[in-house]
Amino acid sequence: MASDVEIGRALAAVAATLNDQKLDGFDTGRVQEIVTEALGGEPLLTVDDGGGLHDSSGTRVGAIRRTPSGEWITERQNEVAKGADTAIPAKPQETGLKGLVSKLKGS
């Protein structure tokens, strides 16, 4: 089980790294690498496809998201709240003209 300090360290590392690298999209595998490296190589926390950060029991303890201005932010979650073990859904892919415009803009 990850401590509060470890959760905070992982979330800070994710926000700093994603913003430094100016990544446009969420890459679960890459974010998982950042989290694991921040914890000294120990797989104490897992990342889901929607940006949720979970402890070994499956409880969501943090969230990773991108603001409309393009900044990556992280936040702690209330792990005892109802539904805290539910994955944060990924944003659906936009289709049609709106999806094409989003791809051209790089968002």
C-alpha atoms as a PDB file:
ATOM      1  CA  MET A   1       0.000   0.000   0.000  1.00  0.00           C
ATOM      2  CA  ALA A   2       1.371   3.388  -1.005  1.00  0.00           C
ATOM      3  CA  SER A   3       1.788   6.047   1.670  1.00  0.00           C
ATOM      4  CA  ASP A   4       0.446   9.599   1.384  1.00  0.00           C
ATOM      5  CA  VAL A   5       3.979  10.802   0.674  1.00  0.00           C
ATOM      6  CA  GLU A   6       4.412   8.261  -2.144  1.00  0.00           C
ATOM      7  CA  ILE A   7       1.065   9.201  -3.704  1.00  0.00           C
ATOM      8  CA  GLY A   8       1.995  12.878  -3.567  1.00  0.00           C
ATOM      9  CA  ARG A   9       5.431  12.170  -5.041  1.00  0.00           C
ATOM     10  CA  ALA A  10       3.929  10.171  -7.915  1.00  0.00           C
ATOM     11  CA  LEU A  11       1.329  12.829  -8.732  1.00  0.00           C
ATOM     12  CA  ALA A  12       3.922  15.619  -8.629  1.00  0.00           C
ATOM     13  CA  ALA A  13       6.261  13.652 -10.909  1.00  0.00           C
ATOM     14  CA  VAL A  14       3.471  13.028 -13.421  1.00  0.00           C
ATOM     15  CA  ALA A  15       2.401  16.680 -13.593  1.00  0.00           C
ATOM     16  CA  ALA A  16       5.975  17.953 -13.869  1.00  0.00           C
ATOM     17  CA  THR A  17       7.015  15.403 -16.495  1.00  0.00           C
ATOM     18  CA  LEU A  18       3.940  15.716 -18.715  1.00  0.00           C
ATOM     19  CA  ASN A  19       4.148  19.515 -18.649  1.00  0.00           C
ATOM     20  CA  ASP A  20       7.922  19.537 -19.258  1.00  0.00           C
ATOM     21  CA  GLN A  21       7.528  17.185 -22.218  1.00  0.00           C
ATOM     22  CA  LYS A  22       4.469  19.103 -23.477  1.00  0.00           C
ATOM     23  CA  LEU A  23       2.602  15.918 -24.312  1.00  0.00           C
ATOM     24  CA  ASP A  24      -0.631  16.462 -26.228  1.00  0.00           C
ATOM     25  CA  GLY A  25      -2.358  13.220 -25.322  1.00  0.00           C
ATOM     26  CA  PHE A  26      -2.625  10.854 -22.404  1.00  0.00           C
ATOM     27  CA  ASP A  27      -0.458   7.741 -22.778  1.00  0.00           C
ATOM     28  CA  THR A  28      -1.289   5.244 -20.030  1.00  0.00           C
ATOM     29  CA  GLY A  29       1.923   3.267 -20.482  1.00  0.00           C
ATOM     30  CA  ARG A  30       4.140   6.343 -20.322  1.00  0.00           C
ATOM     31  CA  VAL A  31       2.348   7.722 -17.259  1.00  0.00           C
ATOM     32  CA  GLN A  32       2.645   4.321 -15.550  1.00  0.00           C
ATOM     33  CA  GLU A  33       6.413   4.435 -16.177  1.00  0.00           C
ATOM     34  CA  ILE A  34       6.614   7.905 -14.607  1.00  0.00           C
ATOM     35  CA  VAL A  35       4.648   6.761 -11.547  1.00  0.00           C
ATOM     36  CA  THR A  36       6.719   3.609 -11.072  1.00  0.00           C
ATOM     37  CA  GLU A  37      10.009   5.505 -11.484  1.00  0.00           C
ATOM     38  CA  ALA A  38       8.866   8.134  -8.956  1.00  0.00           C
ATOM     39  CA  LEU A  39       8.376   5.307  -6.459  1.00  0.00           C
ATOM     40  CA  GLY A  40      11.862   3.871  -6.924  1.00  0.00           C
ATOM     41  CA  GLY A  41      10.752   1.199  -9.374  1.00  0.00           C
ATOM     42  CA  GLU A  42       8.113  -0.247  -7.039  1.00  0.00           C
ATOM     43  CA  PRO A  43       4.712  -0.854  -8.699  1.00  0.00           C
ATOM     44  CA  LEU A  44       2.718   0.496  -5.733  1.00  0.00           C
ATOM     45  CA  LEU A  45       0.255   2.492  -7.831  1.00  0.00           C
ATOM     46  CA  THR A  46      -1.418   1.796 -11.159  1.00  0.00           C
ATOM     47  CA  VAL A  47      -2.745   4.157 -13.803  1.00  0.00           C
ATOM     48  CA  ASP A  48      -5.967   3.513 -15.715  1.00  0.00           C
ATOM     49  CA  ASP A  49      -6.790   4.656 -19.254  1.00  0.00           C
ATOM     50  CA  GLY A  50      -8.916   7.538 -17.988  1.00  0.00           C
ATOM     51  CA  GLY A  51      -6.202   9.116 -15.834  1.00  0.00           C
ATOM     52  CA  GLY A  52      -7.104   7.518 -12.522  1.00  0.00           C
ATOM     53  CA  LEU A  53      -4.333   6.556 -10.090  1.00  0.00           C
ATOM     54  CA  HIS A  54      -5.119   3.502  -7.959  1.00  0.00           C
ATOM     55  CA  ASP A  55      -3.505   1.861  -4.950  1.00  0.00           C
ATOM     56  CA  SER A  56      -2.988  -1.887  -4.561  1.00  0.00           C
ATOM     57  CA  SER A  57      -6.568  -2.386  -3.334  1.00  0.00           C
ATOM     58  CA  GLY A  58      -7.933  -0.783  -6.515  1.00  0.00           C
ATOM     59  CA  THR A  59      -9.110   2.372  -4.775  1.00  0.00           C
ATOM     60  CA  ARG A  60      -8.661   5.553  -6.802  1.00  0.00           C
ATOM     61  CA  VAL A  61      -6.310   7.836  -4.883  1.00  0.00           C
ATOM     62  CA  GLY A  62      -5.521  10.407  -7.571  1.00  0.00           C
ATOM     63  CA  ALA A  63      -6.477  11.785 -10.947  1.00  0.00           C
ATOM     64  CA  ILE A  64      -4.493  13.090 -13.884  1.00  0.00           C
ATOM     65  CA  ARG A  65      -6.100  15.403 -16.416  1.00  0.00           C
ATOM     66  CA  ARG A  66      -5.384  18.087 -18.936  1.00  0.00           C
ATOM     67  CA  THR A  67      -6.937  21.520 -18.655  1.00  0.00           C
ATOM     68  CA  PRO A  68      -8.523  23.258 -21.661  1.00  0.00           C
ATOM     69  CA  SER A  69      -5.414  25.485 -21.795  1.00  0.00           C
ATOM     70  CA  GLY A  70      -3.224  22.393 -22.236  1.00  0.00           C
ATOM     71  CA  GLU A  71      -1.675  22.161 -18.768  1.00  0.00           C
ATOM     72  CA  TRP A  72      -1.497  18.736 -17.111  1.00  0.00           C
ATOM     73  CA  ILE A  73      -2.722  18.737 -13.517  1.00  0.00           C
ATOM     74  CA  THR A  74      -3.015  16.076 -10.854  1.00  0.00           C
ATOM     75  CA  GLU A  75      -5.112  15.905  -7.740  1.00  0.00           C
ATOM     76  CA  ARG A  76      -5.641  13.631  -4.780  1.00  0.00           C
ATOM     77  CA  GLN A  77      -8.935  11.763  -4.546  1.00  0.00           C
ATOM     78  CA  ASN A  78     -10.907  10.940  -1.450  1.00  0.00           C
ATOM     79  CA  GLU A  79     -10.220   7.218  -1.321  1.00  0.00           C
ATOM     80  CA  VAL A  80     -13.086   6.550   1.091  1.00  0.00           C
ATOM     81  CA  ALA A  81     -15.718   8.265  -1.049  1.00  0.00           C
ATOM     82  CA  LYS A  82     -18.454   6.162  -2.621  1.00  0.00           C
ATOM     83  CA  GLY A  83     -17.327   5.000  -6.061  1.00  0.00           C
ATOM     84  CA  ALA A  84     -13.652   5.767  -5.412  1.00  0.00           C
ATOM     85  CA  ASP A  85     -12.728   2.387  -6.866  1.00  0.00           C
ATOM     86  CA  THR A  86     -14.326   3.259 -10.201  1.00  0.00           C
ATOM     87  CA  ALA A  87     -12.048   4.012 -13.143  1.00  0.00           C
ATOM     88  CA  ILE A  88     -12.187   7.508 -14.579  1.00  0.00           C
ATOM     89  CA  PRO A  89     -13.532   7.075 -18.124  1.00  0.00           C
ATOM     90  CA  ALA A  90     -11.346   8.127 -21.011  1.00  0.00           C
ATOM     91  CA  LYS A  91     -12.572  10.952 -23.223  1.00  0.00           C
ATOM     92  CA  PRO A  92     -14.263   9.389 -26.265  1.00  0.00           C
ATOM     93  CA  GLN A  93     -12.685   9.936 -29.650  1.00  0.00           C
ATOM     94  CA  GLU A  94     -14.436  12.664 -31.588  1.00  0.00           C
ATOM     95  CA  THR A  95     -15.649  11.665 -35.024  1.00  0.00           C
ATOM     96  CA  GLY A  96     -16.742  13.487 -38.125  1.00  0.00           C
ATOM     97  CA  LEU A  97     -15.758  17.052 -38.843  1.00  0.00           C
ATOM     98  CA  LYS A  98     -15.221  17.943 -35.193  1.00  0.00           C
ATOM     99  CA  GLY A  99     -12.796  15.007 -34.800  1.00  0.00           C
ATOM    100  CA  LEU A 100     -10.887  16.016 -37.920  1.00  0.00           C
ATOM    101  CA  VAL A 101     -10.585  19.618 -36.732  1.00  0.00           C
ATOM    102  CA  SER A 102      -9.350  18.399 -33.306  1.00  0.00           C
ATOM    103  CA  LYS A 103      -6.703  16.224 -34.956  1.00  0.00           C
ATOM    104  CA  LEU A 104      -5.544  19.106 -37.139  1.00  0.00           C
ATOM    105  CA  LYS A 105      -5.306  21.391 -34.086  1.00  0.00           C
ATOM    106  CA  GLY A 106      -3.410  18.687 -32.177  1.00  0.00           C
ATOM    107  CA  SER A 107      -5.829  18.515 -29.277  1.00  0.00           C
END
